């Protein structure tokens, strides 16, 4: 497997992590069967993709980058879809997370 495939799987897993965060919110403590199913299915899919990434990338990189991508996308989804606050200060900190993920991806080029 190539580095590109591993990082692609990792980015998709991050997107699924954000979807899982949103679906968990809607699952309301696992009382809504539809959103609970979405949450559990999303969790299973993202774990499979993390496993793919771990075949090539170090564990610390995978979990750091995955959580960063998921966090950034969850904040963006919360702001755009759920009306959560995203002011310039929060955007700055989210930007630092993005820089950290990019640093993990391209550290061999520096």
N, C-alpha and C. Protein backbone atom coordinates (compact mmCIF):
# COMPACT_ATOMS: atom_id res chain seq x y z
N UNK A 1 0.85 -1.17 0.00
CA UNK A 1 0.00 0.00 0.00
C UNK A 1 0.90 1.24 0.00
N UNK A 2 0.43 2.26 -0.69
CA UNK A 2 1.22 3.48 -0.78
C UNK A 2 0.88 4.44 0.35
N UNK A 3 1.77 5.39 0.52
CA UNK A 3 1.55 6.45 1.51
C UNK A 3 0.30 7.25 1.18
N UNK A 4 0.06 7.48 -0.10
CA UNK A 4 -1.12 8.24 -0.53
C UNK A 4 -2.41 7.51 -0.15
N UNK A 5 -2.44 6.22 -0.35
CA UNK A 5 -3.62 5.43 0.02
C UNK A 5 -3.84 5.47 1.53
N UNK A 6 -2.77 5.33 2.28
CA UNK A 6 -2.88 5.35 3.74
C UNK A 6 -3.42 6.70 4.23
N UNK A 7 -2.89 7.79 3.67
CA UNK A 7 -3.37 9.11 4.08
C UNK A 7 -4.79 9.37 3.60
N UNK A 8 -5.14 8.86 2.44
CA UNK A 8 -6.52 9.01 1.96
C UNK A 8 -7.49 8.29 2.88
N UNK A 9 -7.14 7.07 3.28
CA UNK A 9 -7.98 6.33 4.22
C UNK A 9 -8.09 7.08 5.54
N UNK A 10 -6.99 7.67 5.96
CA UNK A 10 -6.97 8.43 7.21
C UNK A 10 -7.87 9.67 7.13
N UNK A 11 -7.84 10.37 6.01
CA UNK A 11 -8.70 11.55 5.84
C UNK A 11 -10.18 11.17 5.81
N UNK A 12 -10.50 10.08 5.12
CA UNK A 12 -11.89 9.62 5.10
C UNK A 12 -12.32 9.21 6.51
N UNK A 13 -11.43 8.54 7.24
CA UNK A 13 -11.74 8.18 8.63
C UNK A 13 -11.99 9.42 9.47
N UNK A 14 -11.22 10.49 9.22
CA UNK A 14 -11.46 11.75 9.93
C UNK A 14 -12.83 12.33 9.63
N UNK A 15 -13.22 12.29 8.36
CA UNK A 15 -14.55 12.77 7.99
C UNK A 15 -15.63 11.93 8.65
N UNK A 16 -15.40 10.62 8.71
CA UNK A 16 -16.37 9.75 9.39
C UNK A 16 -16.40 10.02 10.89
N UNK A 17 -15.27 10.41 11.45
CA UNK A 17 -15.23 10.77 12.86
C UNK A 17 -16.10 11.99 13.14
N UNK A 18 -16.05 12.96 12.24
CA UNK A 18 -16.91 14.14 12.38
C UNK A 18 -18.37 13.75 12.24
N UNK A 19 -18.68 12.90 11.27
CA UNK A 19 -20.06 12.42 11.10
C UNK A 19 -20.51 11.67 12.34
N UNK A 20 -19.63 10.90 12.91
CA UNK A 20 -19.99 10.18 14.13
C UNK A 20 -20.30 11.14 15.28
N UNK A 21 -19.51 12.19 15.39
CA UNK A 21 -19.76 13.17 16.45
C UNK A 21 -21.13 13.80 16.30
N UNK A 22 -21.48 14.17 15.07
CA UNK A 22 -22.79 14.79 14.82
C UNK A 22 -23.91 13.77 15.05
N UNK A 23 -23.70 12.55 14.57
CA UNK A 23 -24.75 11.54 14.74
C UNK A 23 -24.93 11.16 16.21
N UNK A 24 -23.85 11.16 16.98
CA UNK A 24 -23.99 10.90 18.41
C UNK A 24 -24.82 11.99 19.10
N UNK A 25 -24.63 13.23 18.66
CA UNK A 25 -25.43 14.33 19.21
C UNK A 25 -26.91 14.09 18.93
N UNK A 26 -27.21 13.69 17.69
CA UNK A 26 -28.60 13.45 17.31
C UNK A 26 -29.17 12.16 17.90
N UNK A 27 -28.29 11.22 18.26
CA UNK A 27 -28.75 9.95 18.82
C UNK A 27 -29.35 10.13 20.21
N UNK A 28 -29.09 11.28 20.83
CA UNK A 28 -29.69 11.63 22.12
C UNK A 28 -29.54 10.51 23.15
N UNK A 29 -28.29 10.17 23.42
CA UNK A 29 -28.04 9.12 24.42
C UNK A 29 -28.48 7.75 23.94
N UNK A 30 -28.39 7.51 22.65
CA UNK A 30 -28.78 6.25 22.01
C UNK A 30 -30.27 5.94 22.16
N UNK A 31 -31.07 6.99 22.22
CA UNK A 31 -32.52 6.79 22.30
C UNK A 31 -33.18 6.88 20.93
N UNK A 32 -32.51 7.44 19.95
CA UNK A 32 -33.04 7.53 18.59
C UNK A 32 -32.43 6.40 17.76
N UNK A 33 -33.24 5.42 17.34
CA UNK A 33 -32.69 4.24 16.66
C UNK A 33 -31.96 4.57 15.35
N UNK A 34 -32.46 5.49 14.56
CA UNK A 34 -31.81 5.82 13.29
C UNK A 34 -30.42 6.41 13.53
N UNK A 35 -30.34 7.43 14.37
CA UNK A 35 -29.05 8.08 14.62
C UNK A 35 -28.09 7.18 15.38
N UNK A 36 -28.62 6.31 16.22
CA UNK A 36 -27.78 5.33 16.90
C UNK A 36 -27.14 4.38 15.89
N UNK A 37 -27.94 3.93 14.92
CA UNK A 37 -27.42 3.06 13.86
C UNK A 37 -26.37 3.77 13.02
N UNK A 38 -26.62 5.03 12.69
CA UNK A 38 -25.64 5.80 11.93
C UNK A 38 -24.35 5.93 12.73
N UNK A 39 -24.47 6.21 14.01
CA UNK A 39 -23.29 6.36 14.87
C UNK A 39 -22.47 5.08 14.91
N UNK A 40 -23.12 3.96 15.13
CA UNK A 40 -22.40 2.69 15.24
C UNK A 40 -21.80 2.26 13.91
N UNK A 41 -22.54 2.46 12.83
CA UNK A 41 -22.02 2.11 11.50
C UNK A 41 -20.83 2.97 11.12
N UNK A 42 -20.93 4.24 11.44
CA UNK A 42 -19.83 5.16 11.16
C UNK A 42 -18.60 4.79 11.97
N UNK A 43 -18.80 4.43 13.22
CA UNK A 43 -17.68 4.03 14.08
C UNK A 43 -16.99 2.79 13.52
N UNK A 44 -17.76 1.82 13.06
CA UNK A 44 -17.17 0.60 12.50
C UNK A 44 -16.37 0.92 11.24
N UNK A 45 -16.93 1.75 10.37
CA UNK A 45 -16.24 2.10 9.12
C UNK A 45 -14.95 2.86 9.39
N UNK A 46 -14.99 3.80 10.32
CA UNK A 46 -13.78 4.58 10.58
C UNK A 46 -12.70 3.72 11.22
N UNK A 47 -13.08 2.77 12.05
CA UNK A 47 -12.08 1.87 12.64
C UNK A 47 -11.42 1.00 11.57
N UNK A 48 -12.19 0.55 10.59
CA UNK A 48 -11.60 -0.21 9.50
C UNK A 48 -10.59 0.63 8.72
N UNK A 49 -10.94 1.89 8.45
CA UNK A 49 -10.04 2.76 7.73
C UNK A 49 -8.79 3.11 8.54
N UNK A 50 -8.95 3.27 9.83
CA UNK A 50 -7.77 3.49 10.68
C UNK A 50 -6.84 2.28 10.63
N UNK A 51 -7.43 1.10 10.60
CA UNK A 51 -6.62 -0.12 10.48
C UNK A 51 -5.84 -0.16 9.19
N UNK A 52 -6.46 0.31 8.10
CA UNK A 52 -5.77 0.40 6.82
C UNK A 52 -4.58 1.35 6.93
N UNK A 53 -4.81 2.50 7.50
CA UNK A 53 -3.75 3.50 7.64
C UNK A 53 -2.60 2.99 8.51
N UNK A 54 -2.94 2.23 9.53
CA UNK A 54 -1.92 1.73 10.46
C UNK A 54 -0.99 0.70 9.82
N UNK A 55 -1.36 0.17 8.65
CA UNK A 55 -0.48 -0.76 7.95
C UNK A 55 0.77 -0.06 7.44
N UNK A 56 0.68 1.26 7.24
CA UNK A 56 1.79 2.01 6.65
C UNK A 56 2.32 3.09 7.60
N UNK A 57 1.44 3.76 8.29
CA UNK A 57 1.81 4.94 9.09
C UNK A 57 1.99 4.57 10.57
N UNK A 58 2.81 5.33 11.29
CA UNK A 58 2.98 5.09 12.72
C UNK A 58 1.68 5.38 13.49
N UNK A 59 1.47 4.64 14.56
CA UNK A 59 0.24 4.77 15.34
C UNK A 59 0.03 6.19 15.86
N UNK A 60 1.08 6.82 16.34
CA UNK A 60 0.95 8.18 16.86
C UNK A 60 0.51 9.15 15.79
N UNK A 61 1.04 8.99 14.59
CA UNK A 61 0.64 9.86 13.47
C UNK A 61 -0.80 9.62 13.10
N UNK A 62 -1.19 8.35 13.01
CA UNK A 62 -2.57 8.01 12.61
C UNK A 62 -3.57 8.61 13.59
N UNK A 63 -3.38 8.38 14.86
CA UNK A 63 -4.39 8.82 15.82
C UNK A 63 -4.36 10.33 16.03
N UNK A 64 -3.19 10.93 15.94
CA UNK A 64 -3.12 12.39 16.04
C UNK A 64 -3.78 13.06 14.84
N UNK A 65 -3.45 12.60 13.65
CA UNK A 65 -4.03 13.19 12.44
C UNK A 65 -5.52 12.92 12.35
N UNK A 66 -5.93 11.69 12.67
CA UNK A 66 -7.35 11.35 12.61
C UNK A 66 -8.17 12.23 13.57
N UNK A 67 -7.71 12.35 14.79
CA UNK A 67 -8.47 13.16 15.75
C UNK A 67 -8.48 14.63 15.34
N UNK A 68 -7.38 15.11 14.75
CA UNK A 68 -7.34 16.49 14.28
C UNK A 68 -8.31 16.73 13.15
N UNK A 69 -8.29 15.86 12.15
CA UNK A 69 -9.21 16.01 11.02
C UNK A 69 -10.66 15.92 11.51
N UNK A 70 -10.94 14.95 12.35
CA UNK A 70 -12.30 14.79 12.87
C UNK A 70 -12.74 16.02 13.66
N UNK A 71 -11.84 16.56 14.47
CA UNK A 71 -12.17 17.73 15.28
C UNK A 71 -12.46 18.95 14.41
N UNK A 72 -11.60 19.18 13.42
CA UNK A 72 -11.79 20.34 12.54
C UNK A 72 -13.11 20.22 11.79
N UNK A 73 -13.38 19.05 11.24
CA UNK A 73 -14.63 18.88 10.49
C UNK A 73 -15.86 18.91 11.40
N UNK A 74 -15.73 18.42 12.63
CA UNK A 74 -16.85 18.48 13.57
C UNK A 74 -17.17 19.92 13.95
N UNK A 75 -16.13 20.72 14.17
CA UNK A 75 -16.35 22.14 14.48
C UNK A 75 -16.98 22.85 13.29
N UNK A 76 -16.48 22.58 12.08
CA UNK A 76 -17.04 23.21 10.88
C UNK A 76 -18.50 22.81 10.68
N UNK A 77 -18.79 21.53 10.87
CA UNK A 77 -20.18 21.06 10.73
C UNK A 77 -21.07 21.69 11.79
N UNK A 78 -20.57 21.76 13.01
CA UNK A 78 -21.34 22.38 14.08
C UNK A 78 -21.66 23.83 13.77
N UNK A 79 -20.68 24.55 13.23
CA UNK A 79 -20.90 25.97 12.92
C UNK A 79 -21.83 26.14 11.72
N UNK A 80 -21.64 25.35 10.68
CA UNK A 80 -22.40 25.54 9.45
C UNK A 80 -23.79 24.93 9.50
N UNK A 81 -23.94 23.82 10.21
CA UNK A 81 -25.21 23.10 10.18
C UNK A 81 -26.01 23.24 11.47
N UNK A 82 -25.30 23.30 12.60
CA UNK A 82 -25.99 23.25 13.87
C UNK A 82 -26.01 24.59 14.61
N UNK A 83 -25.48 25.63 13.97
CA UNK A 83 -25.52 26.96 14.57
C UNK A 83 -24.59 27.16 15.76
N UNK A 84 -23.55 26.36 15.86
CA UNK A 84 -22.60 26.52 16.96
C UNK A 84 -21.67 27.70 16.68
N UNK A 85 -21.11 28.24 17.73
CA UNK A 85 -20.26 29.43 17.64
C UNK A 85 -18.93 29.10 16.97
N UNK A 86 -18.54 29.96 16.02
CA UNK A 86 -17.21 29.88 15.42
C UNK A 86 -16.73 31.30 15.18
N UNK A 87 -16.09 31.86 16.19
CA UNK A 87 -15.57 33.22 16.07
C UNK A 87 -14.10 33.16 15.65
N UNK A 88 -13.48 34.31 15.53
CA UNK A 88 -12.10 34.36 15.04
C UNK A 88 -11.12 33.65 15.99
N UNK A 89 -11.35 33.72 17.27
CA UNK A 89 -10.46 33.05 18.21
C UNK A 89 -10.52 31.54 18.03
N UNK A 90 -11.72 31.00 17.96
CA UNK A 90 -11.86 29.55 17.75
C UNK A 90 -11.29 29.14 16.41
N UNK A 91 -11.53 29.96 15.39
CA UNK A 91 -10.99 29.67 14.05
C UNK A 91 -9.46 29.63 14.07
N UNK A 92 -8.85 30.51 14.85
CA UNK A 92 -7.39 30.51 14.99
C UNK A 92 -6.91 29.17 15.54
N UNK A 93 -7.53 28.71 16.61
CA UNK A 93 -7.10 27.45 17.23
C UNK A 93 -7.35 26.26 16.30
N UNK A 94 -8.47 26.29 15.61
CA UNK A 94 -8.74 25.23 14.63
C UNK A 94 -7.69 25.26 13.53
N UNK A 95 -7.29 26.46 13.12
CA UNK A 95 -6.24 26.59 12.12
C UNK A 95 -4.92 25.95 12.58
N UNK A 96 -4.62 26.07 13.85
CA UNK A 96 -3.41 25.43 14.38
C UNK A 96 -3.51 23.91 14.31
N UNK A 97 -4.70 23.38 14.52
CA UNK A 97 -4.90 21.93 14.39
C UNK A 97 -4.64 21.52 12.94
N UNK A 98 -5.16 22.30 12.00
CA UNK A 98 -4.94 22.02 10.57
C UNK A 98 -3.44 22.03 10.27
N UNK A 99 -2.72 23.03 10.77
CA UNK A 99 -1.28 23.09 10.56
C UNK A 99 -0.57 21.87 11.16
N UNK A 100 -1.03 21.42 12.31
CA UNK A 100 -0.44 20.24 12.93
C UNK A 100 -0.63 19.00 12.08
N UNK A 101 -1.83 18.82 11.54
CA UNK A 101 -2.09 17.66 10.67
C UNK A 101 -1.24 17.75 9.41
N UNK A 102 -1.16 18.93 8.81
CA UNK A 102 -0.31 19.10 7.63
C UNK A 102 1.15 18.83 7.96
N UNK A 103 1.58 19.25 9.14
CA UNK A 103 2.95 18.97 9.56
C UNK A 103 3.21 17.48 9.68
N UNK A 104 2.25 16.74 10.20
CA UNK A 104 2.40 15.29 10.30
C UNK A 104 2.46 14.64 8.92
N UNK A 105 1.67 15.17 8.00
CA UNK A 105 1.63 14.60 6.64
C UNK A 105 2.92 14.89 5.87
N UNK A 106 3.42 16.09 5.98
CA UNK A 106 4.54 16.50 5.14
C UNK A 106 5.86 16.65 5.90
N UNK A 107 5.98 16.03 7.05
CA UNK A 107 7.20 16.20 7.86
C UNK A 107 8.44 15.68 7.16
N UNK A 108 8.33 14.74 6.28
CA UNK A 108 9.49 14.19 5.59
C UNK A 108 10.03 15.13 4.51
N UNK A 109 9.25 16.14 4.17
CA UNK A 109 9.68 17.09 3.15
C UNK A 109 10.48 18.24 3.74
N UNK A 110 10.42 18.41 5.05
CA UNK A 110 11.09 19.53 5.69
C UNK A 110 12.57 19.25 5.94
